[in-house]
Amino acid sequence: MPSVGLLILGAVLGAFICAKTRSAAGAVVFSLIALVLFIGTPIGQGLPGAIGGFMSAVDQATTPALSGEPGAPSDG
């Protein structure tokens, strides 16, 4: 897939054009296509793991405060 960069660029441009014409559904579809194409590249293959790690860190940081565990910061 040597031209995947051009496909990603085309999808991003399509999303931009749809956003400028206020076609939200088209912009979302083009954005999802660009994201899927990016994840298919060697550079983008680490993206799902990075997002998972970030969400795990956020979950670990917020769970004590949301569940009212002792030692959690309070509104004081």
PDB file of N, CA and C in Angstrom:
ATOM      1  N   MET A   1       0.828  -1.188   0.000  1.00  0.00           N
ATOM      2  CA  MET A   1       0.000   0.000   0.000  1.00  0.00           C
ATOM      3  C   MET A   1       0.873   1.252   0.000  1.00  0.00           C
ATOM      4  N   PRO A   2       1.551   1.526  -1.085  1.00  0.00           N
ATOM      5  CA  PRO A   2       2.427   2.688  -1.107  1.00  0.00           C
ATOM      6  C   PRO A   2       1.671   4.012  -1.153  1.00  0.00           C
ATOM      7  N   SER A   3       0.415   4.007  -1.556  1.00  0.00           N
ATOM      8  CA  SER A   3      -0.316   5.271  -1.670  1.00  0.00           C
ATOM      9  C   SER A   3      -1.300   5.483  -0.521  1.00  0.00           C
ATOM     10  N   VAL A   4      -1.075   4.816   0.609  1.00  0.00           N
ATOM     11  CA  VAL A   4      -1.993   4.985   1.731  1.00  0.00           C
ATOM     12  C   VAL A   4      -1.962   6.420   2.249  1.00  0.00           C
ATOM     13  N   GLY A   5      -0.836   7.088   2.126  1.00  0.00           N
ATOM     14  CA  GLY A   5      -0.741   8.488   2.544  1.00  0.00           C
ATOM     15  C   GLY A   5      -1.680   9.374   1.744  1.00  0.00           C
ATOM     16  N   LEU A   6      -1.770   9.110   0.446  1.00  0.00           N
ATOM     17  CA  LEU A   6      -2.686   9.887  -0.389  1.00  0.00           C
ATOM     18  C   LEU A   6      -4.139   9.584  -0.042  1.00  0.00           C
ATOM     19  N   LEU A   7      -4.429   8.333   0.296  1.00  0.00           N
ATOM     20  CA  LEU A   7      -5.790   7.986   0.699  1.00  0.00           C
ATOM     21  C   LEU A   7      -6.170   8.684   2.008  1.00  0.00           C
ATOM     22  N   ILE A   8      -5.226   8.719   2.957  1.00  0.00           N
ATOM     23  CA  ILE A   8      -5.480   9.400   4.228  1.00  0.00           C
ATOM     24  C   ILE A   8      -5.685  10.890   3.982  1.00  0.00           C
ATOM     25  N   LEU A   9      -4.829  11.477   3.148  1.00  0.00           N
ATOM     26  CA  LEU A   9      -4.963  12.901   2.826  1.00  0.00           C
ATOM     27  C   LEU A   9      -6.308  13.176   2.168  1.00  0.00           C
ATOM     28  N   GLY A  10      -6.716  12.312   1.248  1.00  0.00           N
ATOM     29  CA  GLY A  10      -8.010  12.484   0.599  1.00  0.00           C
ATOM     30  C   GLY A  10      -9.163  12.390   1.585  1.00  0.00           C
ATOM     31  N   ALA A  11      -9.065  11.472   2.538  1.00  0.00           N
ATOM     32  CA  ALA A  11     -10.121  11.339   3.540  1.00  0.00           C
ATOM     33  C   ALA A  11     -10.169  12.561   4.452  1.00  0.00           C
ATOM     34  N   VAL A  12      -9.007  13.082   4.830  1.00  0.00           N
ATOM     35  CA  VAL A  12      -8.968  14.280   5.675  1.00  0.00           C
ATOM     36  C   VAL A  12      -9.537  15.481   4.913  1.00  0.00           C
ATOM     37  N   LEU A  13      -9.170  15.610   3.647  1.00  0.00           N
ATOM     38  CA  LEU A  13      -9.720  16.705   2.845  1.00  0.00           C
ATOM     39  C   LEU A  13     -11.228  16.551   2.671  1.00  0.00           C
ATOM     40  N   GLY A  14     -11.698  15.317   2.478  1.00  0.00           N
ATOM     41  CA  GLY A  14     -13.131  15.077   2.380  1.00  0.00           C
ATOM     42  C   GLY A  14     -13.847  15.468   3.659  1.00  0.00           C
ATOM     43  N   ALA A  15     -13.257  15.141   4.803  1.00  0.00           N
ATOM     44  CA  ALA A  15     -13.854  15.522   6.089  1.00  0.00           C
ATOM     45  C   ALA A  15     -13.889  17.044   6.234  1.00  0.00           C
ATOM     46  N   PHE A  16     -12.815  17.696   5.800  1.00  0.00           N
ATOM     47  CA  PHE A  16     -12.763  19.161   5.890  1.00  0.00           C
ATOM     48  C   PHE A  16     -13.833  19.800   5.004  1.00  0.00           C
ATOM     49  N   ILE A  17     -13.974  19.294   3.786  1.00  0.00           N
ATOM     50  CA  ILE A  17     -14.972  19.840   2.868  1.00  0.00           C
ATOM     51  C   ILE A  17     -16.372  19.613   3.416  1.00  0.00           C
ATOM     52  N   CYS A  18     -16.629  18.427   3.940  1.00  0.00           N
ATOM     53  CA  CYS A  18     -17.948  18.151   4.519  1.00  0.00           C
ATOM     54  C   CYS A  18     -18.218  19.051   5.728  1.00  0.00           C
ATOM     55  N   ALA A  19     -17.196  19.303   6.535  1.00  0.00           N
ATOM     56  CA  ALA A  19     -17.372  20.175   7.691  1.00  0.00           C
ATOM     57  C   ALA A  19     -17.661  21.611   7.260  1.00  0.00           C
ATOM     58  N   LYS A  20     -16.982  22.071   6.203  1.00  0.00           N
ATOM     59  CA  LYS A  20     -17.228  23.425   5.710  1.00  0.00           C
ATOM     60  C   LYS A  20     -18.630  23.574   5.140  1.00  0.00           C
ATOM     61  N   THR A  21     -19.180  22.500   4.569  1.00  0.00           N
ATOM     62  CA  THR A  21     -20.531  22.563   4.010  1.00  0.00           C
ATOM     63  C   THR A  21     -21.584  22.172   5.045  1.00  0.00           C
ATOM     64  N   ARG A  22     -21.167  22.006   6.280  1.00  0.00           N
ATOM     65  CA  ARG A  22     -22.039  21.677   7.414  1.00  0.00           C
ATOM     66  C   ARG A  22     -22.755  20.337   7.227  1.00  0.00           C
ATOM     67  N   SER A  23     -22.026  19.386   6.673  1.00  0.00           N
ATOM     68  CA  SER A  23     -22.538  18.020   6.539  1.00  0.00           C
ATOM     69  C   SER A  23     -21.831  17.165   7.592  1.00  0.00           C
ATOM     70  N   ALA A  24     -22.413  17.117   8.772  1.00  0.00           N
ATOM     71  CA  ALA A  24     -21.758  16.450   9.894  1.00  0.00           C
ATOM     72  C   ALA A  24     -21.570  14.960   9.647  1.00  0.00           C
ATOM     73  N   ALA A  25     -22.563  14.297   9.083  1.00  0.00           N
ATOM     74  CA  ALA A  25     -22.458  12.855   8.855  1.00  0.00           C
ATOM     75  C   ALA A  25     -21.323  12.532   7.883  1.00  0.00           C
ATOM     76  N   GLY A  26     -21.199  13.309   6.829  1.00  0.00           N
ATOM     77  CA  GLY A  26     -20.116  13.095   5.874  1.00  0.00           C
ATOM     78  C   GLY A  26     -18.755  13.316   6.497  1.00  0.00           C
ATOM     79  N   ALA A  27     -18.636  14.348   7.337  1.00  0.00           N
ATOM     80  CA  ALA A  27     -17.367  14.625   8.001  1.00  0.00           C
ATOM     81  C   ALA A  27     -16.983  13.492   8.945  1.00  0.00           C
ATOM     82  N   VAL A  28     -17.958  12.940   9.653  1.00  0.00           N
ATOM     83  CA  VAL A  28     -17.682  11.832  10.564  1.00  0.00           C
ATOM     84  C   VAL A  28     -17.245  10.598   9.785  1.00  0.00           C
ATOM     85  N   VAL A  29     -17.923  10.311   8.680  1.00  0.00           N
ATOM     86  CA  VAL A  29     -17.571   9.141   7.870  1.00  0.00           C
ATOM     87  C   VAL A  29     -16.168   9.269   7.310  1.00  0.00           C
ATOM     88  N   PHE A  30     -15.840  10.423   6.746  1.00  0.00           N
ATOM     89  CA  PHE A  30     -14.496  10.625   6.209  1.00  0.00           C
ATOM     90  C   PHE A  30     -13.440  10.569   7.308  1.00  0.00           C
ATOM     91  N   SER A  31     -13.749  11.095   8.488  1.00  0.00           N
ATOM     92  CA  SER A  31     -12.801  11.043   9.600  1.00  0.00           C
ATOM     93  C   SER A  31     -12.558   9.609  10.053  1.00  0.00           C
ATOM     94  N   LEU A  32     -13.617   8.805  10.110  1.00  0.00           N
ATOM     95  CA  LEU A  32     -13.452   7.405  10.489  1.00  0.00           C
ATOM     96  C   LEU A  32     -12.645   6.634   9.445  1.00  0.00           C
ATOM     97  N   ILE A  33     -12.861   6.934   8.177  1.00  0.00           N
ATOM     98  CA  ILE A  33     -12.073   6.293   7.121  1.00  0.00           C
ATOM     99  C   ILE A  33     -10.600   6.647   7.282  1.00  0.00           C
ATOM    100  N   ALA A  34     -10.306   7.927   7.535  1.00  0.00           N
ATOM    101  CA  ALA A  34      -8.916   8.349   7.723  1.00  0.00           C
ATOM    102  C   ALA A  34      -8.307   7.665   8.941  1.00  0.00           C
ATOM    103  N   LEU A  35      -9.062   7.533  10.019  1.00  0.00           N
ATOM    104  CA  LEU A  35      -8.554   6.889  11.226  1.00  0.00           C
ATOM    105  C   LEU A  35      -8.250   5.415  10.982  1.00  0.00           C
ATOM    106  N   VAL A  36      -9.147   4.724  10.295  1.00  0.00           N
ATOM    107  CA  VAL A  36      -8.918   3.308   9.993  1.00  0.00           C
ATOM    108  C   VAL A  36      -7.700   3.138   9.095  1.00  0.00           C
ATOM    109  N   LEU A  37      -7.555   4.003   8.109  1.00  0.00           N
ATOM    110  CA  LEU A  37      -6.379   3.924   7.230  1.00  0.00           C
ATOM    111  C   LEU A  37      -5.099   4.217   8.003  1.00  0.00           C
ATOM    112  N   PHE A  38      -5.157   5.190   8.926  1.00  0.00           N
ATOM    113  CA  PHE A  38      -3.964   5.521   9.710  1.00  0.00           C
ATOM    114  C   PHE A  38      -3.561   4.375  10.619  1.00  0.00           C
ATOM    115  N   ILE A  39      -4.544   3.735  11.259  1.00  0.00           N
ATOM    116  CA  ILE A  39      -4.233   2.618  12.150  1.00  0.00           C
ATOM    117  C   ILE A  39      -3.655   1.448  11.360  1.00  0.00           C
ATOM    118  N   GLY A  40      -3.991   1.351  10.088  1.00  0.00           N
ATOM    119  CA  GLY A  40      -3.461   0.286   9.242  1.00  0.00           C
ATOM    120  C   GLY A  40      -2.005   0.478   8.858  1.00  0.00           C
ATOM    121  N   THR A  41      -1.440   1.666   9.087  1.00  0.00           N
ATOM    122  CA  THR A  41      -0.040   1.908   8.762  1.00  0.00           C
ATOM    123  C   THR A  41       0.848   1.459   9.915  1.00  0.00           C
ATOM    124  N   PRO A  42       2.129   1.211   9.644  1.00  0.00           N
ATOM    125  CA  PRO A  42       3.038   0.808  10.736  1.00  0.00           C
ATOM    126  C   PRO A  42       3.152   1.859  11.847  1.00  0.00           C
ATOM    127  N   ILE A  43       3.089   3.117  11.497  1.00  0.00           N
ATOM    128  CA  ILE A  43       3.194   4.175  12.503  1.00  0.00           C
ATOM    129  C   ILE A  43       1.955   4.199  13.388  1.00  0.00           C
ATOM    130  N   GLY A  44       0.789   3.983  12.801  1.00  0.00           N
ATOM    131  CA  GLY A  44      -0.457   4.091  13.547  1.00  0.00           C
ATOM    132  C   GLY A  44      -0.852   2.846  14.309  1.00  0.00           C
ATOM    133  N   GLN A  45      -0.102   1.751  14.187  1.00  0.00           N
ATOM    134  CA  GLN A  45      -0.493   0.523  14.863  1.00  0.00           C
ATOM    135  C   GLN A  45      -0.368   0.617  16.378  1.00  0.00           C
ATOM    136  N   GLY A  46       0.415   1.531  16.890  1.00  0.00           N
ATOM    137  CA  GLY A  46       0.537   1.705  18.335  1.00  0.00           C
ATOM    138  C   GLY A  46      -0.552   2.584  18.924  1.00  0.00           C
ATOM    139  N   LEU A  47      -1.382   3.199  18.078  1.00  0.00           N
ATOM    140  CA  LEU A  47      -2.410   4.117  18.561  1.00  0.00           C
ATOM    141  C   LEU A  47      -3.449   3.456  19.468  1.00  0.00           C
ATOM    142  N   PRO A  48      -4.015   2.308  19.118  1.00  0.00           N
ATOM    143  CA  PRO A  48      -4.989   1.700  20.043  1.00  0.00           C
ATOM    144  C   PRO A  48      -4.393   1.378  21.414  1.00  0.00           C
ATOM    145  N   GLY A  49      -3.152   0.914  21.462  1.00  0.00           N
ATOM    146  CA  GLY A  49      -2.503   0.630  22.743  1.00  0.00           C
ATOM    147  C   GLY A  49      -2.261   1.893  23.548  1.00  0.00           C
ATOM    148  N   ALA A  50      -1.892   2.980  22.860  1.00  0.00           N
ATOM    149  CA  ALA A  50      -1.664   4.245  23.547  1.00  0.00           C
ATOM    150  C   ALA A  50      -2.965   4.799  24.122  1.00  0.00           C
ATOM    151  N   ILE A  51      -4.040   4.693  23.366  1.00  0.00           N
ATOM    152  CA  ILE A  51      -5.329   5.166  23.857  1.00  0.00           C
ATOM    153  C   ILE A  51      -5.784   4.314  25.039  1.00  0.00           C
ATOM    154  N   GLY A  52      -5.576   3.007  24.948  1.00  0.00           N
ATOM    155  CA  GLY A  52      -5.935   2.114  26.055  1.00  0.00           C
ATOM    156  C   GLY A  52      -5.146   2.425  27.314  1.00  0.00           C
ATOM    157  N   GLY A  53      -3.849   2.685  27.170  1.00  0.00           N
ATOM    158  CA  GLY A  53      -3.019   3.044  28.319  1.00  0.00           C
ATOM    159  C   GLY A  53      -3.453   4.353  28.952  1.00  0.00           C
ATOM    160  N   PHE A  54      -3.803   5.319  28.112  1.00  0.00           N
ATOM    161  CA  PHE A  54      -4.270   6.614  28.613  1.00  0.00           C
ATOM    162  C   PHE A  54      -5.584   6.465  29.372  1.00  0.00           C
ATOM    163  N   MET A  55      -6.511   5.702  28.802  1.00  0.00           N
ATOM    164  CA  MET A  55      -7.804   5.514  29.459  1.00  0.00           C
ATOM    165  C   MET A  55      -7.645   4.756  30.774  1.00  0.00           C
ATOM    166  N   SER A  56      -6.721   3.807  30.823  1.00  0.00           N
ATOM    167  CA  SER A  56      -6.458   3.071  32.055  1.00  0.00           C
ATOM    168  C   SER A  56      -5.904   4.002  33.135  1.00  0.00           C
ATOM    169  N   ALA A  57      -4.989   4.887  32.741  1.00  0.00           N
ATOM    170  CA  ALA A  57      -4.422   5.831  33.702  1.00  0.00           C
ATOM    171  C   ALA A  57      -5.489   6.783  34.228  1.00  0.00           C
ATOM    172  N   VAL A  58      -6.368   7.254  33.348  1.00  0.00           N
ATOM    173  CA  VAL A  58      -7.449   8.141  33.774  1.00  0.00           C
ATOM    174  C   VAL A  58      -8.399   7.402  34.717  1.00  0.00           C
ATOM    175  N   ASP A  59      -8.700   6.148  34.391  1.00  0.00           N
ATOM    176  CA  ASP A  59      -9.599   5.353  35.239  1.00  0.00           C
ATOM    177  C   ASP A  59      -9.001   5.146  36.623  1.00  0.00           C
ATOM    178  N   GLN A  60      -7.711   4.823  36.693  1.00  0.00           N
ATOM    179  CA  GLN A  60      -7.058   4.611  37.986  1.00  0.00           C
ATOM    180  C   GLN A  60      -7.005   5.896  38.805  1.00  0.00           C
ATOM    181  N   ALA A  61      -6.885   7.037  38.123  1.00  0.00           N
ATOM    182  CA  ALA A  61      -6.804   8.304  38.839  1.00  0.00           C
ATOM    183  C   ALA A  61      -8.166   8.774  39.329  1.00  0.00           C
ATOM    184  N   THR A  62      -9.229   8.463  38.605  1.00  0.00           N
ATOM    185  CA  THR A  62     -10.537   9.006  38.969  1.00  0.00           C
ATOM    186  C   THR A  62     -11.390   8.066  39.804  1.00  0.00           C
ATOM    187  N   THR A  63     -11.120   6.773  39.782  1.00  0.00           N
ATOM    188  CA  THR A  63     -11.962   5.820  40.508  1.00  0.00           C
ATOM    189  C   THR A  63     -12.022   6.104  42.007  1.00  0.00           C
ATOM    190  N   PRO A  64     -10.907   6.387  42.698  1.00  0.00           N
ATOM    191  CA  PRO A  64     -11.020   6.659  44.139  1.00  0.00           C
ATOM    192  C   PRO A  64     -11.898   7.873  44.444  1.00  0.00           C
ATOM    193  N   ALA A  65     -11.801   8.909  43.644  1.00  0.00           N
ATOM    194  CA  ALA A  65     -12.591  10.114  43.894  1.00  0.00           C
ATOM    195  C   ALA A  65     -14.069   9.876  43.607  1.00  0.00           C
ATOM    196  N   LEU A  66     -14.364   9.086  42.579  1.00  0.00           N
ATOM    197  CA  LEU A  66     -15.759   8.863  42.207  1.00  0.00           C
ATOM    198  C   LEU A  66     -16.456   7.858  43.106  1.00  0.00           C
ATOM    199  N   SER A  67     -15.702   6.924  43.677  1.00  0.00           N
ATOM    200  CA  SER A  67     -16.334   5.909  44.525  1.00  0.00           C
ATOM    201  C   SER A  67     -16.323   6.300  45.993  1.00  0.00           C
ATOM    202  N   GLY A  68     -15.717   7.425  46.341  1.00  0.00           N
ATOM    203  CA  GLY A  68     -15.721   7.894  47.714  1.00  0.00           C
ATOM    204  C   GLY A  68     -14.820   7.103  48.634  1.00  0.00           C
ATOM    205  N   GLU A  69     -13.766   6.542  48.105  1.00  0.00           N
ATOM    206  CA  GLU A  69     -12.829   5.754  48.931  1.00  0.00           C
ATOM    207  C   GLU A  69     -12.077   6.674  49.884  1.00  0.00           C
ATOM    208  N   PRO A  70     -11.665   6.158  51.035  1.00  0.00           N
ATOM    209  CA  PRO A  70     -10.902   6.973  51.980  1.00  0.00           C
ATOM    210  C   PRO A  70      -9.572   7.405  51.351  1.00  0.00           C
ATOM    211  N   GLY A  71      -9.186   8.613  51.664  1.00  0.00           N
ATOM    212  CA  GLY A  71      -7.937   9.145  51.145  1.00  0.00           C
ATOM    213  C   GLY A  71      -8.117   9.878  49.827  1.00  0.00           C
ATOM    214  N   ALA A  72      -9.308   9.857  49.292  1.00  0.00           N
ATOM    215  CA  ALA A  72      -9.569  10.575  48.047  1.00  0.00           C
ATOM    216  C   ALA A  72      -9.755  12.053  48.358  1.00  0.00           C
ATOM    217  N   PRO A  73      -9.353  12.914  47.453  1.00  0.00           N
ATOM    218  CA  PRO A  73      -9.551  14.357  47.684  1.00  0.00           C
ATOM    219  C   PRO A  73     -11.039  14.690  47.776  1.00  0.00           C
ATOM    220  N   SER A  74     -11.365  15.651  48.640  1.00  0.00           N
ATOM    221  CA  SER A  74     -12.767  16.045  48.791  1.00  0.00           C
ATOM    222  C   SER A  74     -12.918  17.517  48.419  1.00  0.00           C
ATOM    223  N   ASP A  75     -14.181  17.963  48.367  1.00  0.00           N
ATOM    224  CA  ASP A  75     -14.454  19.352  47.991  1.00  0.00           C
ATOM    225  C   ASP A  75     -14.188  20.310  49.142  1.00  0.00           C
ATOM    226  N   GLY A  76     -13.874  19.799  50.275  1.00  0.00           N
ATOM    227  CA  GLY A  76     -13.416  20.507  51.393  1.00  0.00           C
ATOM    228  C   GLY A  76     -14.178  21.457  52.122  1.00  0.00           C
TER     229      GLY A  76
END
